[in-house]
Amino acid sequence: MSDYQAVYEDLFVKNLRKYSSIKKSIKNKINRLLEDPYHNTEFLGDHKGKLNLSGCRSIRIDKNFRIIFVVCEECRNIQVCEFCFCEKLPDKTVIFLTIGPHDKAYSIK
């Protein structure tokens, strides 16, 4: 049973269709994230000269693939996330922003 509810951004859904060959691995990671989105995930911060992903988290699907997401309760606490609408959602919500190869996933707009 999941402790968190999921919200999927359009870009995530679009990319999920694109990478259907690893859909089973992705689904397993999503299910695990919804049980505990902090376990084995990386908190992302501001990278000088790159896109500001402060407030977001990432998790590996495999060596090169990443899921980029936000946990609403954490987003509210740090108040720096630029990508979501957490103020309209319950604390126990995970917003899935995008998925893809490392370089593409980290360049979301």
C-alpha atoms as a PDB file:
ATOM      1  CA  MET A   1       0.000   0.000   0.000  1.00  0.00           C
ATOM      2  CA  SER A   2       1.341   3.397  -0.993  1.00  0.00           C
ATOM      3  CA  ASP A   3       1.769   6.088   1.620  1.00  0.00           C
ATOM      4  CA  TYR A   4       1.908   8.832  -1.023  1.00  0.00           C
ATOM      5  CA  GLN A   5      -0.333   9.713  -3.945  1.00  0.00           C
ATOM      6  CA  ALA A   6       1.096  10.328  -7.422  1.00  0.00           C
ATOM      7  CA  VAL A   7       0.584  13.232  -9.801  1.00  0.00           C
ATOM      8  CA  TYR A   8       2.077  12.904 -13.282  1.00  0.00           C
ATOM      9  CA  GLU A   9       3.077  15.956 -15.314  1.00  0.00           C
ATOM     10  CA  ASP A  10       2.393  15.838 -19.065  1.00  0.00           C
ATOM     11  CA  LEU A  11       6.115  15.635 -19.876  1.00  0.00           C
ATOM     12  CA  PHE A  12       6.494  12.582 -17.648  1.00  0.00           C
ATOM     13  CA  VAL A  13       3.573  10.796 -19.342  1.00  0.00           C
ATOM     14  CA  LYS A  14       4.905  11.680 -22.803  1.00  0.00           C
ATOM     15  CA  ASN A  15       8.383  10.391 -21.978  1.00  0.00           C
ATOM     16  CA  LEU A  16       7.005   7.278 -20.323  1.00  0.00           C
ATOM     17  CA  ARG A  17       5.410   6.308 -23.641  1.00  0.00           C
ATOM     18  CA  LYS A  18       8.719   6.974 -25.401  1.00  0.00           C
ATOM     19  CA  TYR A  19      10.636   4.620 -23.088  1.00  0.00           C
ATOM     20  CA  SER A  20       8.090   1.810 -22.977  1.00  0.00           C
ATOM     21  CA  SER A  21      10.844  -0.814 -23.336  1.00  0.00           C
ATOM     22  CA  ILE A  22      11.770  -0.289 -19.669  1.00  0.00           C
ATOM     23  CA  LYS A  23       8.221   0.357 -18.467  1.00  0.00           C
ATOM     24  CA  LYS A  24       8.307  -2.514 -15.950  1.00  0.00           C
ATOM     25  CA  SER A  25      11.441  -1.141 -14.248  1.00  0.00           C
ATOM     26  CA  ILE A  26       9.912   2.328 -14.184  1.00  0.00           C
ATOM     27  CA  LYS A  27       6.684   1.058 -12.645  1.00  0.00           C
ATOM     28  CA  ASN A  28       8.628  -0.780  -9.926  1.00  0.00           C
ATOM     29  CA  LYS A  29      10.584   2.405  -9.076  1.00  0.00           C
ATOM     30  CA  ILE A  30       7.397   4.475  -8.963  1.00  0.00           C
ATOM     31  CA  ASN A  31       5.750   1.996  -6.598  1.00  0.00           C
ATOM     32  CA  ARG A  32       8.808   2.083  -4.334  1.00  0.00           C
ATOM     33  CA  LEU A  33       8.911   5.887  -4.439  1.00  0.00           C
ATOM     34  CA  LEU A  34       5.277   6.089  -3.387  1.00  0.00           C
ATOM     35  CA  GLU A  35       6.101   4.010  -0.299  1.00  0.00           C
ATOM     36  CA  ASP A  36       9.110   6.158   0.688  1.00  0.00           C
ATOM     37  CA  PRO A  37      10.237   8.933  -1.688  1.00  0.00           C
ATOM     38  CA  TYR A  38      13.309   9.709   0.423  1.00  0.00           C
ATOM     39  CA  HIS A  39      14.898   6.237   0.349  1.00  0.00           C
ATOM     40  CA  ASN A  40      17.847   6.032  -2.091  1.00  0.00           C
ATOM     41  CA  THR A  41      16.931   9.270  -3.851  1.00  0.00           C
ATOM     42  CA  GLU A  42      19.093  12.311  -4.439  1.00  0.00           C
ATOM     43  CA  PHE A  43      18.058  15.798  -3.359  1.00  0.00           C
ATOM     44  CA  LEU A  44      18.915  18.228  -6.135  1.00  0.00           C
ATOM     45  CA  GLY A  45      20.147  21.733  -5.597  1.00  0.00           C
ATOM     46  CA  ASP A  46      21.175  24.731  -7.621  1.00  0.00           C
ATOM     47  CA  HIS A  47      23.958  23.874 -10.042  1.00  0.00           C
ATOM     48  CA  LYS A  48      25.823  26.990 -11.097  1.00  0.00           C
ATOM     49  CA  GLY A  49      25.281  27.697 -14.778  1.00  0.00           C
ATOM     50  CA  LYS A  50      22.712  24.911 -15.154  1.00  0.00           C
ATOM     51  CA  LEU A  51      18.980  24.594 -14.678  1.00  0.00           C
ATOM     52  CA  ASN A  52      17.918  25.238 -11.095  1.00  0.00           C
ATOM     53  CA  LEU A  53      16.424  21.989  -9.804  1.00  0.00           C
ATOM     54  CA  SER A  54      16.352  23.095  -6.162  1.00  0.00           C
ATOM     55  CA  GLY A  55      13.582  21.290  -4.354  1.00  0.00           C
ATOM     56  CA  CYS A  56      13.504  18.379  -6.779  1.00  0.00           C
ATOM     57  CA  ARG A  57      14.715  14.825  -6.261  1.00  0.00           C
ATOM     58  CA  SER A  58      15.971  12.164  -8.631  1.00  0.00           C
ATOM     59  CA  ILE A  59      16.221   8.399  -8.635  1.00  0.00           C
ATOM     60  CA  ARG A  60      18.040   6.062 -10.985  1.00  0.00           C
ATOM     61  CA  ILE A  61      16.172   3.599 -13.136  1.00  0.00           C
ATOM     62  CA  ASP A  62      19.432   2.176 -14.474  1.00  0.00           C
ATOM     63  CA  LYS A  63      22.929   3.514 -15.038  1.00  0.00           C
ATOM     64  CA  ASN A  64      21.753   6.340 -17.311  1.00  0.00           C
ATOM     65  CA  PHE A  65      17.983   6.805 -16.773  1.00  0.00           C
ATOM     66  CA  ARG A  66      16.521   9.102 -14.108  1.00  0.00           C
ATOM     67  CA  ILE A  67      13.130  10.073 -12.751  1.00  0.00           C
ATOM     68  CA  ILE A  68      12.896  13.711 -11.606  1.00  0.00           C
ATOM     69  CA  PHE A  69      10.182  14.378  -9.035  1.00  0.00           C
ATOM     70  CA  VAL A  70       9.054  16.594  -6.167  1.00  0.00           C
ATOM     71  CA  VAL A  71       7.701  15.608  -2.746  1.00  0.00           C
ATOM     72  CA  CYS A  72       5.115  18.226  -1.761  1.00  0.00           C
ATOM     73  CA  GLU A  73       5.822  18.138   1.984  1.00  0.00           C
ATOM     74  CA  GLU A  74       9.509  18.775   1.336  1.00  0.00           C
ATOM     75  CA  CYS A  75       8.789  21.416  -1.292  1.00  0.00           C
ATOM     76  CA  ARG A  76       6.673  23.390   1.177  1.00  0.00           C
ATOM     77  CA  ASN A  77       9.410  23.268   3.822  1.00  0.00           C
ATOM     78  CA  ILE A  78      12.175  24.645   1.615  1.00  0.00           C
ATOM     79  CA  GLN A  79       9.983  26.909  -0.546  1.00  0.00           C
ATOM     80  CA  VAL A  80      12.300  26.983  -3.549  1.00  0.00           C
ATOM     81  CA  CYS A  81      10.764  24.569  -6.035  1.00  0.00           C
ATOM     82  CA  GLU A  82       9.989  26.239  -9.370  1.00  0.00           C
ATOM     83  CA  PHE A  83       8.286  23.337 -11.117  1.00  0.00           C
ATOM     84  CA  CYS A  84       5.203  22.360  -9.209  1.00  0.00           C
ATOM     85  CA  PHE A  85       1.912  23.327  -7.705  1.00  0.00           C
ATOM     86  CA  CYS A  86       2.341  21.740  -4.266  1.00  0.00           C
ATOM     87  CA  GLU A  87       0.282  24.390  -2.498  1.00  0.00           C
ATOM     88  CA  LYS A  88      -2.841  22.826  -4.053  1.00  0.00           C
ATOM     89  CA  LEU A  89      -2.016  19.227  -3.056  1.00  0.00           C
ATOM     90  CA  PRO A  90      -1.780  17.188   0.162  1.00  0.00           C
ATOM     91  CA  ASP A  91       1.626  16.821   1.834  1.00  0.00           C
ATOM     92  CA  LYS A  92       1.810  13.120   0.980  1.00  0.00           C
ATOM     93  CA  THR A  93       1.968  13.762  -2.775  1.00  0.00           C
ATOM     94  CA  VAL A  94       4.781  13.012  -5.227  1.00  0.00           C
ATOM     95  CA  ILE A  95       4.755  14.986  -8.470  1.00  0.00           C
ATOM     96  CA  PHE A  96       6.580  13.151 -11.254  1.00  0.00           C
ATOM     97  CA  LEU A  97       8.096  15.807 -13.523  1.00  0.00           C
ATOM     98  CA  THR A  98      10.038  13.861 -16.153  1.00  0.00           C
ATOM     99  CA  ILE A  99      11.893  10.681 -16.943  1.00  0.00           C
ATOM    100  CA  GLY A 100      14.673   9.989 -19.393  1.00  0.00           C
ATOM    101  CA  PRO A 101      18.382   9.659 -20.001  1.00  0.00           C
ATOM    102  CA  HIS A 102      20.459  11.623 -17.503  1.00  0.00           C
ATOM    103  CA  ASP A 103      21.206  14.659 -19.690  1.00  0.00           C
ATOM    104  CA  LYS A 104      17.646  15.003 -20.988  1.00  0.00           C
ATOM    105  CA  ALA A 105      16.016  14.449 -17.606  1.00  0.00           C
ATOM    106  CA  TYR A 106      18.135  17.151 -15.977  1.00  0.00           C
ATOM    107  CA  SER A 107      17.293  19.687 -18.676  1.00  0.00           C
ATOM    108  CA  ILE A 108      13.530  19.907 -18.032  1.00  0.00           C
ATOM    109  CA  LYS A 109      11.922  23.268 -18.583  1.00  0.00           C
END
